[in-house]
Amino acid sequence: METLLEYFADFWQQVALVWDYGVFGTSLSTIGITLLIFFFAYLARDLFARFIISRLKKFTKKTKNKVDDAVIEALDGPLHFIPLIFGIFAAVKYLGLTGDAGLMFDNIVRSLIIIDIFWALNLILVPIALMLNKVQVLFTKELFVWLFKALRVFVIAMGAATILELWGIKVAPILASFGLLGVAVALGAQDLFKNLIASLTIMSEKRLAIGDWVKIDGVVEGTVENIGFRSTKVRRFDKAPVFVPNSSLADQALTNFSQMTNRRIYWKIGLVYNSSTTQLAEVRQKIEDYLLANEDYVNPPHCSLFVRVDSFNDSSIDLMIYCFTHTTDWGKWLEIKEKFAYEIKNIVAAAGTDFAFPSQTVYLEAAETSTPAQFIQGHKPDNPDQ
């Protein structure tokens, strides 16, 4: 019995030694408490974020500005991250790491703090952009969005540079090395920089905007969906996307149909040649009266309006119609044109004339010195020339 008790005591002593030694000299109790610290920090993150946000919301309720409310909502993610960073910091301090290991974990904690700060700055830029909406009057919406994206990229780059400096990686020599590679990069990325500068030119000149119907001569016609740093996405009317390099938009002739103030109707109506001048004048006058009385059309002097006998064609007397509609919507414009076509048909019919179509009249004239021979079936003429 005494021997068994001695074995048990010896075994318990071994367990205590293993427990105290733990992992790499750190006791298991210390590791367990460290994990509990991190676990409770994880559980406390929601409580911490809600506590801070609720206090900030009470403060912002006193203001009428909605930007500060948006800023608080944007900070929800970074605030949730703070307790986790503190948990890692407390756990590392409890472990009592020294030397290179302690320095490494200190840098990790500092890196996490930097990430949280620049993450918050990056998110805050969104409500700040809302506050600066009035600035869009000075620029186009697309240029404002482009600059906003560039600013967010700059914030991320600054955060990355700060972390690199923390770990002893000098950023200045890295940037200087880019100068040595600048020539090689420039030669290989000429198109990239050309398209980048072209995108700024396009947006600063307000050539197009998202949703515009555009036609780029020899390239594509469709609706603009996105304007990027390098290319612009245009969706054709058959729903196929086309990615056009911004340099093409800057160099090629571009027609922006969405910027039309009015939409034109230009027709030539051919009437038959046996139409009298009275009939021609009646048709012309009634068409003009219809256009002037209809609210769908723009009257002079705001836009030109012409209804005139224009030319004598091969098969018709042409009447030119030149006018503009108020609407620029293609579907509505087609509907107005259809009603106008019906009205022209009725006007021409009421005037007693008709529309011309391509035709030819052939006149056969016999020579005065010769008389055609009478043809009798089965009879051979005496004169072989007949």
Protein backbone atom coordinates (compact mmCIF):
# COMPACT_ATOMS: atom_id res chain seq x y z
CA MET A 1 0.00 0.00 0.00
CA GLU A 2 2.81 2.36 0.90
CA THR A 3 4.52 1.53 -2.38
CA LEU A 4 1.37 2.39 -4.35
CA LEU A 5 1.15 5.72 -2.55
CA GLU A 6 4.77 6.44 -3.36
CA TYR A 7 4.12 5.65 -7.06
CA PHE A 8 1.11 7.94 -7.05
CA ALA A 9 3.08 10.77 -5.42
CA ASP A 10 5.88 10.30 -7.89
CA PHE A 11 3.41 10.32 -10.79
CA TRP A 12 1.77 13.49 -9.53
CA GLN A 13 5.20 15.08 -9.28
CA GLN A 14 5.80 14.25 -12.95
CA VAL A 15 2.45 15.77 -13.89
CA ALA A 16 3.35 18.91 -11.94
CA LEU A 17 6.70 19.13 -13.72
CA VAL A 18 5.07 18.77 -17.13
CA TRP A 19 2.39 21.29 -16.17
CA ASP A 20 4.98 23.78 -15.00
CA TYR A 21 7.22 23.27 -18.02
CA GLY A 22 4.29 23.41 -20.44
CA VAL A 23 5.19 24.44 -24.01
CA PHE A 24 8.67 25.82 -24.64
CA GLY A 25 9.07 26.48 -20.94
CA THR A 26 5.73 28.24 -20.50
CA SER A 27 3.42 26.51 -18.00
CA LEU A 28 0.08 25.18 -19.15
CA SER A 29 -1.70 27.28 -16.55
CA THR A 30 -0.13 30.41 -18.02
CA ILE A 31 -1.16 29.31 -21.52
CA GLY A 32 -4.68 28.55 -20.30
CA ILE A 33 -5.04 31.94 -18.61
CA THR A 34 -3.69 33.59 -21.77
CA LEU A 35 -6.33 31.87 -23.88
CA LEU A 36 -9.01 32.87 -21.37
CA ILE A 37 -7.88 36.49 -21.60
CA PHE A 38 -8.17 36.41 -25.37
CA PHE A 39 -11.52 34.58 -25.16
CA PHE A 40 -13.04 37.13 -22.79
CA ALA A 41 -11.68 39.93 -24.95
CA TYR A 42 -13.47 38.35 -27.91
CA LEU A 43 -16.72 38.17 -25.93
CA ALA A 44 -16.36 41.75 -24.75
CA ARG A 45 -15.94 43.24 -28.23
CA ASP A 46 -19.69 43.60 -28.86
CA LEU A 47 -20.28 45.14 -25.43
CA PHE A 48 -17.38 47.55 -25.91
CA ALA A 49 -18.50 48.61 -29.39
CA ARG A 50 -22.11 49.07 -28.32
CA PHE A 51 -21.10 51.07 -25.26
CA ILE A 52 -18.87 53.44 -27.23
CA ILE A 53 -21.29 53.78 -30.16
CA SER A 54 -24.27 54.43 -27.86
CA ARG A 55 -22.36 57.20 -26.11
CA LEU A 56 -21.32 58.75 -29.42
CA LYS A 57 -24.86 58.51 -30.80
CA LYS A 58 -26.22 60.40 -27.81
CA PHE A 59 -23.68 63.12 -28.53
CA THR A 60 -24.48 63.33 -32.25
CA LYS A 61 -28.24 63.52 -31.66
CA LYS A 62 -27.67 67.09 -30.57
CA THR A 63 -26.53 67.98 -34.09
CA LYS A 64 -28.67 68.23 -37.23
CA ASN A 65 -25.84 67.06 -39.44
CA LYS A 66 -26.21 63.49 -40.72
CA VAL A 67 -22.53 63.13 -41.55
CA ASP A 68 -21.49 62.48 -37.95
CA ASP A 69 -24.10 59.72 -37.71
CA ALA A 70 -22.63 58.11 -40.82
CA VAL A 71 -19.12 58.41 -39.33
CA ILE A 72 -20.22 56.55 -36.18
CA GLU A 73 -21.80 53.79 -38.24
CA ALA A 74 -18.59 53.50 -40.25
CA LEU A 75 -16.54 53.08 -37.06
CA ASP A 76 -18.48 49.99 -35.98
CA GLY A 77 -15.95 47.54 -37.46
CA PRO A 78 -12.78 49.20 -36.07
CA LEU A 79 -14.38 49.54 -32.63
CA HIS A 80 -15.14 45.81 -32.60
CA PHE A 81 -11.47 45.17 -33.36
CA ILE A 82 -10.10 47.17 -30.39
CA PRO A 83 -10.97 44.59 -27.67
CA LEU A 84 -9.28 41.86 -29.72
CA ILE A 85 -6.10 43.93 -29.97
CA PHE A 86 -6.24 44.58 -26.23
CA GLY A 87 -6.74 40.86 -25.61
CA ILE A 88 -3.66 40.02 -27.64
CA PHE A 89 -1.69 42.76 -25.86
CA ALA A 90 -2.78 41.57 -22.38
CA ALA A 91 -2.10 37.93 -23.25
CA VAL A 92 1.41 38.73 -24.49
CA LYS A 93 2.16 40.77 -21.38
CA TYR A 94 0.87 37.96 -19.15
CA LEU A 95 3.09 35.47 -20.94
CA GLY A 96 6.03 37.70 -20.05
CA LEU A 97 7.85 37.12 -23.32
CA THR A 98 11.27 38.69 -23.55
CA GLY A 99 14.00 39.02 -26.13
CA ASP A 100 13.26 38.55 -29.80
CA ALA A 101 9.94 36.83 -29.14
CA GLY A 102 8.71 39.68 -26.96
CA LEU A 103 9.83 42.26 -29.54
CA MET A 104 8.09 40.36 -32.33
CA PHE A 105 4.77 40.18 -30.44
CA ASP A 106 5.06 43.87 -29.51
CA ASN A 107 5.44 44.70 -33.21
CA ILE A 108 2.44 42.50 -34.01
CA VAL A 109 0.31 44.41 -31.50
CA ARG A 110 1.52 47.75 -32.87
CA SER A 111 0.83 46.59 -36.42
CA LEU A 112 -2.72 45.65 -35.44
CA ILE A 113 -3.21 49.09 -33.90
CA ILE A 114 -1.96 50.75 -37.10
CA ILE A 115 -4.28 48.56 -39.19
CA ASP A 116 -7.24 49.51 -37.00
CA ILE A 117 -6.44 53.23 -37.23
CA PHE A 118 -6.05 53.30 -41.02
CA TRP A 119 -9.05 50.99 -41.41
CA ALA A 120 -11.11 53.55 -39.51
CA LEU A 121 -9.70 56.40 -41.63
CA ASN A 122 -10.53 54.53 -44.82
CA LEU A 123 -14.12 53.96 -43.68
CA ILE A 124 -14.56 57.53 -42.49
CA LEU A 125 -13.80 58.77 -46.01
CA VAL A 126 -17.19 57.48 -47.18
CA PRO A 127 -19.32 59.80 -44.98
CA ILE A 128 -16.84 62.60 -45.60
CA ALA A 129 -17.54 62.17 -49.31
CA LEU A 130 -21.25 62.64 -48.54
CA MET A 131 -20.39 65.87 -46.78
CA LEU A 132 -18.47 67.02 -49.86
CA ASN A 133 -21.32 66.32 -52.28
CA LYS A 134 -21.61 70.02 -53.03
CA VAL A 135 -18.05 69.94 -54.36
CA GLN A 136 -19.30 67.74 -57.20
CA VAL A 137 -20.64 70.91 -58.79
CA LEU A 138 -17.05 71.89 -59.53
CA PHE A 139 -16.27 68.45 -60.97
CA THR A 140 -18.21 65.70 -62.63
CA LYS A 141 -19.64 62.94 -60.48
CA GLU A 142 -17.33 60.44 -62.18
CA LEU A 143 -14.23 62.58 -61.54
CA PHE A 144 -15.26 63.00 -57.90
CA VAL A 145 -15.62 59.21 -57.52
CA TRP A 146 -12.26 58.71 -59.25
CA LEU A 147 -10.51 61.11 -56.87
CA PHE A 148 -12.26 59.50 -53.91
CA LYS A 149 -11.00 56.06 -54.93
CA ALA A 150 -7.48 57.45 -55.37
CA LEU A 151 -7.65 58.98 -51.87
CA ARG A 152 -8.67 55.65 -50.34
CA VAL A 153 -5.80 53.93 -52.12
CA PHE A 154 -3.45 56.61 -50.75
CA VAL A 155 -4.67 55.98 -47.17
CA ILE A 156 -4.10 52.24 -47.56
CA ALA A 157 -0.64 52.87 -48.99
CA MET A 158 0.24 55.14 -46.04
CA GLY A 159 -0.88 52.46 -43.60
CA ALA A 160 1.21 49.83 -45.35
CA ALA A 161 4.23 52.15 -45.35
CA THR A 162 3.81 52.77 -41.60
CA ILE A 163 3.74 49.04 -40.87
CA LEU A 164 6.83 48.45 -43.02
CA GLU A 165 8.71 51.18 -41.15
CA LEU A 166 7.65 49.59 -37.85
CA TRP A 167 9.23 46.29 -38.87
CA GLY A 168 12.45 48.02 -39.84
CA ILE A 169 11.82 48.03 -43.58
CA LYS A 170 12.77 51.45 -44.93
CA VAL A 171 10.24 52.72 -47.43
CA ALA A 172 12.35 55.58 -48.83
CA PRO A 173 14.97 53.28 -50.44
CA ILE A 174 12.15 51.20 -51.92
CA LEU A 175 10.61 54.30 -53.46
CA ALA A 176 14.04 55.37 -54.69
CA SER A 177 14.53 52.00 -56.33
CA PHE A 178 11.39 52.64 -58.34
CA GLY A 179 13.21 55.58 -59.85
CA LEU A 180 15.86 53.23 -61.20
CA LEU A 181 13.17 51.04 -62.67
CA GLY A 182 11.15 54.01 -63.84
CA VAL A 183 12.42 53.96 -67.40
CA ALA A 184 11.80 50.24 -67.82
CA VAL A 185 8.37 50.47 -66.23
CA ALA A 186 7.45 53.51 -68.30
CA LEU A 187 8.36 51.72 -71.51
CA GLY A 188 6.20 48.76 -70.58
CA ALA A 189 3.33 50.76 -69.12
CA GLN A 190 2.93 53.57 -71.60
CA ASP A 191 -0.59 52.50 -72.44
CA LEU A 192 -1.50 52.29 -68.75
CA PHE A 193 -0.39 55.85 -68.02
CA LYS A 194 -1.92 57.08 -71.25
CA ASN A 195 -5.29 55.59 -70.33
CA LEU A 196 -4.99 56.92 -66.78
CA ILE A 197 -4.42 60.48 -67.98
CA ALA A 198 -7.17 60.04 -70.59
CA SER A 199 -9.66 59.03 -67.88
CA LEU A 200 -8.95 62.29 -66.03
CA THR A 201 -9.37 64.25 -69.26
CA ILE A 202 -12.69 62.56 -70.07
CA MET A 203 -14.17 63.20 -66.64
CA SER A 204 -12.86 66.75 -66.30
CA GLU A 205 -14.36 67.68 -69.68
CA LYS A 206 -17.67 66.00 -68.75
CA ARG A 207 -17.78 64.09 -72.01
CA LEU A 208 -19.87 61.29 -70.58
CA ALA A 209 -21.41 59.95 -67.39
CA ILE A 210 -22.66 56.60 -66.15
CA GLY A 211 -25.94 55.78 -67.87
CA ASP A 212 -25.26 57.93 -70.95
CA TRP A 213 -26.00 56.63 -74.44
CA VAL A 214 -22.83 57.21 -76.44
CA LYS A 215 -21.41 56.36 -79.84
CA ILE A 216 -17.65 56.13 -80.38
CA ASP A 217 -16.92 56.26 -84.09
CA GLY A 218 -15.57 52.95 -85.33
CA VAL A 219 -15.61 51.42 -81.83
CA VAL A 220 -18.97 50.92 -80.13
CA GLU A 221 -22.41 52.37 -79.46
CA GLY A 222 -24.23 51.69 -76.21
CA THR A 223 -24.77 52.71 -72.58
CA VAL A 224 -21.92 53.66 -70.23
CA GLU A 225 -21.86 51.40 -67.15
CA ASN A 226 -18.52 52.16 -65.50
CA ILE A 227 -15.58 54.54 -65.92
CA GLY A 228 -12.39 53.00 -64.56
CA PHE A 229 -8.77 54.03 -64.27
CA ARG A 230 -7.79 52.24 -67.48
CA SER A 231 -10.97 51.50 -69.44
CA THR A 232 -14.65 52.36 -69.67
CA LYS A 233 -17.34 49.69 -69.76
CA VAL A 234 -19.96 50.31 -72.45
CA ARG A 235 -22.86 47.87 -72.81
CA ARG A 236 -24.11 47.55 -76.36
CA PHE A 237 -27.84 47.41 -77.10
CA ASP A 238 -27.55 43.65 -77.62
CA LYS A 239 -26.42 43.53 -73.94
CA ALA A 240 -22.81 42.60 -74.78
CA PRO A 241 -20.26 44.55 -72.67
CA VAL A 242 -17.40 46.31 -74.43
CA PHE A 243 -14.37 47.56 -72.50
CA VAL A 244 -13.02 50.60 -74.31
CA PRO A 245 -9.53 51.94 -73.42
CA ASN A 246 -9.85 55.49 -72.14
CA SER A 247 -7.29 56.64 -74.69
CA SER A 248 -9.75 55.67 -77.44
CA LEU A 249 -12.45 57.76 -75.77
CA ALA A 250 -10.09 60.71 -75.64
CA ASP A 251 -8.81 60.39 -79.22
CA GLN A 252 -11.90 59.22 -81.13
CA ALA A 253 -14.92 61.33 -82.01
CA LEU A 254 -17.57 60.68 -79.36
CA THR A 255 -21.28 61.41 -79.71
CA ASN A 256 -23.21 61.63 -76.45
CA PHE A 257 -26.86 61.21 -77.34
CA SER A 258 -27.92 61.59 -73.69
CA GLN A 259 -26.80 65.23 -73.76
CA MET A 260 -29.21 66.09 -76.56
CA THR A 261 -31.55 68.95 -75.68
CA ASN A 262 -34.06 67.91 -78.37
CA ARG A 263 -34.41 65.09 -80.86
CA ARG A 264 -34.61 65.72 -84.60
CA ILE A 265 -36.99 64.39 -87.26
CA TYR A 266 -35.73 64.78 -90.82
CA TRP A 267 -37.86 63.31 -93.58
CA LYS A 268 -38.32 63.72 -97.32
CA ILE A 269 -41.81 62.92 -98.58
CA GLY A 270 -42.10 62.13 -102.29
CA LEU A 271 -45.38 63.12 -104.01
CA VAL A 272 -46.44 62.11 -107.52
CA TYR A 273 -45.58 64.44 -110.42
CA ASN A 274 -49.20 64.96 -111.43
CA SER A 275 -49.80 66.77 -108.11
CA SER A 276 -50.96 70.33 -108.76
CA THR A 277 -49.33 73.32 -107.11
CA THR A 278 -52.53 73.77 -105.11
CA GLN A 279 -52.26 70.25 -103.78
CA LEU A 280 -48.58 70.67 -102.96
CA ALA A 281 -49.24 73.93 -101.12
CA GLU A 282 -52.14 72.34 -99.20
CA VAL A 283 -50.07 69.35 -98.08
CA ARG A 284 -47.16 71.58 -97.05
CA GLN A 285 -49.35 74.01 -95.12
CA LYS A 286 -51.32 71.35 -93.24
CA ILE A 287 -48.16 69.51 -92.18
CA GLU A 288 -46.67 72.78 -90.91
CA ASP A 289 -49.89 73.65 -89.06
CA TYR A 290 -49.89 70.22 -87.43
CA LEU A 291 -46.32 70.66 -86.17
CA LEU A 292 -46.95 74.17 -84.85
CA ALA A 293 -50.13 73.12 -83.01
CA ASN A 294 -48.71 69.91 -81.48
CA GLU A 295 -47.09 70.24 -78.03
CA ASP A 296 -44.72 67.34 -78.76
CA TYR A 297 -42.68 69.54 -81.09
CA VAL A 298 -40.42 72.51 -80.40
CA ASN A 299 -41.46 75.66 -82.21
CA PRO A 300 -39.20 78.45 -83.48
CA PRO A 301 -37.18 80.31 -82.33
CA HIS A 302 -36.11 77.62 -79.84
CA CYS A 303 -35.48 75.12 -82.65
CA SER A 304 -35.69 75.23 -86.42
CA LEU A 305 -38.83 74.01 -88.17
CA PHE A 306 -39.03 73.69 -91.96
CA VAL A 307 -41.69 72.19 -94.23
CA ARG A 308 -40.83 73.07 -97.84
CA VAL A 309 -41.02 71.73 -101.37
CA ASP A 310 -37.40 70.83 -101.71
CA SER A 311 -36.54 69.21 -105.05
CA PHE A 312 -37.70 67.50 -108.23
CA ASN A 313 -36.52 63.93 -107.97
CA ASP A 314 -36.45 61.28 -110.71
CA SER A 315 -39.85 59.90 -109.75
CA SER A 316 -41.28 62.41 -107.29
CA ILE A 317 -41.61 65.97 -106.10
CA ASP A 318 -39.88 65.93 -102.73
CA LEU A 319 -41.22 67.70 -99.66
CA MET A 320 -38.65 68.23 -96.89
CA ILE A 321 -39.71 68.05 -93.21
CA TYR A 322 -37.22 69.25 -90.59
CA CYS A 323 -38.33 69.60 -86.96
CA PHE A 324 -37.45 68.73 -83.34
CA THR A 325 -39.32 67.02 -80.52
CA HIS A 326 -39.24 67.98 -76.86
CA THR A 327 -38.48 64.44 -75.76
CA THR A 328 -35.08 62.83 -76.21
CA ASP A 329 -36.27 59.41 -75.06
CA TRP A 330 -35.95 57.02 -77.98
CA GLY A 331 -39.15 55.06 -77.28
CA LYS A 332 -41.26 58.21 -76.84
CA TRP A 333 -39.65 59.73 -79.94
CA LEU A 334 -40.58 56.67 -82.03
CA GLU A 335 -44.17 56.94 -80.80
CA ILE A 336 -44.32 60.62 -81.83
CA LYS A 337 -42.87 59.79 -85.25
CA GLU A 338 -45.49 57.08 -85.74
CA LYS A 339 -48.36 59.48 -85.00
CA PHE A 340 -46.78 62.02 -87.37
CA ALA A 341 -46.58 59.41 -90.14
CA TYR A 342 -50.30 58.63 -89.72
CA GLU A 343 -51.12 62.34 -89.91
CA ILE A 344 -49.06 62.85 -93.09
CA LYS A 345 -50.85 59.90 -94.71
CA ASN A 346 -54.23 61.48 -93.91
CA ILE A 347 -53.15 64.93 -95.12
CA VAL A 348 -51.90 63.61 -98.46
CA ALA A 349 -55.08 61.58 -98.99
CA ALA A 350 -57.29 64.56 -98.08
CA ALA A 351 -55.46 66.76 -100.60
CA GLY A 352 -56.35 64.32 -103.41
CA THR A 353 -52.79 63.43 -104.28
CA ASP A 354 -50.60 60.42 -103.52
CA PHE A 355 -47.11 59.28 -102.58
CA ALA A 356 -44.67 58.58 -105.39
CA PHE A 357 -42.68 55.44 -105.83
CA PRO A 358 -39.71 54.75 -108.14
CA SER A 359 -40.95 54.31 -111.73
CA GLN A 360 -39.84 54.79 -115.32
CA THR A 361 -41.77 55.71 -118.47
CA VAL A 362 -40.33 54.44 -121.79
CA TYR A 363 -41.25 56.22 -125.06
CA LEU A 364 -40.77 54.33 -128.36
CA GLU A 365 -40.54 56.50 -131.48
CA ALA A 366 -40.48 55.00 -135.02
CA ALA A 367 -38.21 56.44 -137.72
CA GLU A 368 -40.02 58.64 -140.33
CA THR A 369 -38.22 57.07 -143.33
CA SER A 370 -39.10 53.48 -142.64
CA THR A 371 -42.34 51.64 -142.29
CA PRO A 372 -42.44 48.55 -140.12
CA ALA A 373 -43.18 45.40 -142.07
CA GLN A 374 -46.28 43.50 -141.22
CA PHE A 375 -45.49 40.26 -139.57
CA ILE A 376 -47.45 37.23 -140.81
CA GLN A 377 -46.85 33.96 -139.14
CA GLY A 378 -45.22 31.44 -141.52
CA HIS A 379 -44.44 34.07 -144.22
CA LYS A 380 -40.86 34.77 -145.22
CA PRO A 381 -40.27 38.34 -146.37
CA ASP A 382 -38.76 38.95 -149.83
CA ASN A 383 -36.30 41.47 -148.46
CA PRO A 384 -33.94 39.70 -146.09
CA ASP A 385 -33.30 43.02 -144.28
CA GLN A 386 -36.93 43.27 -143.25
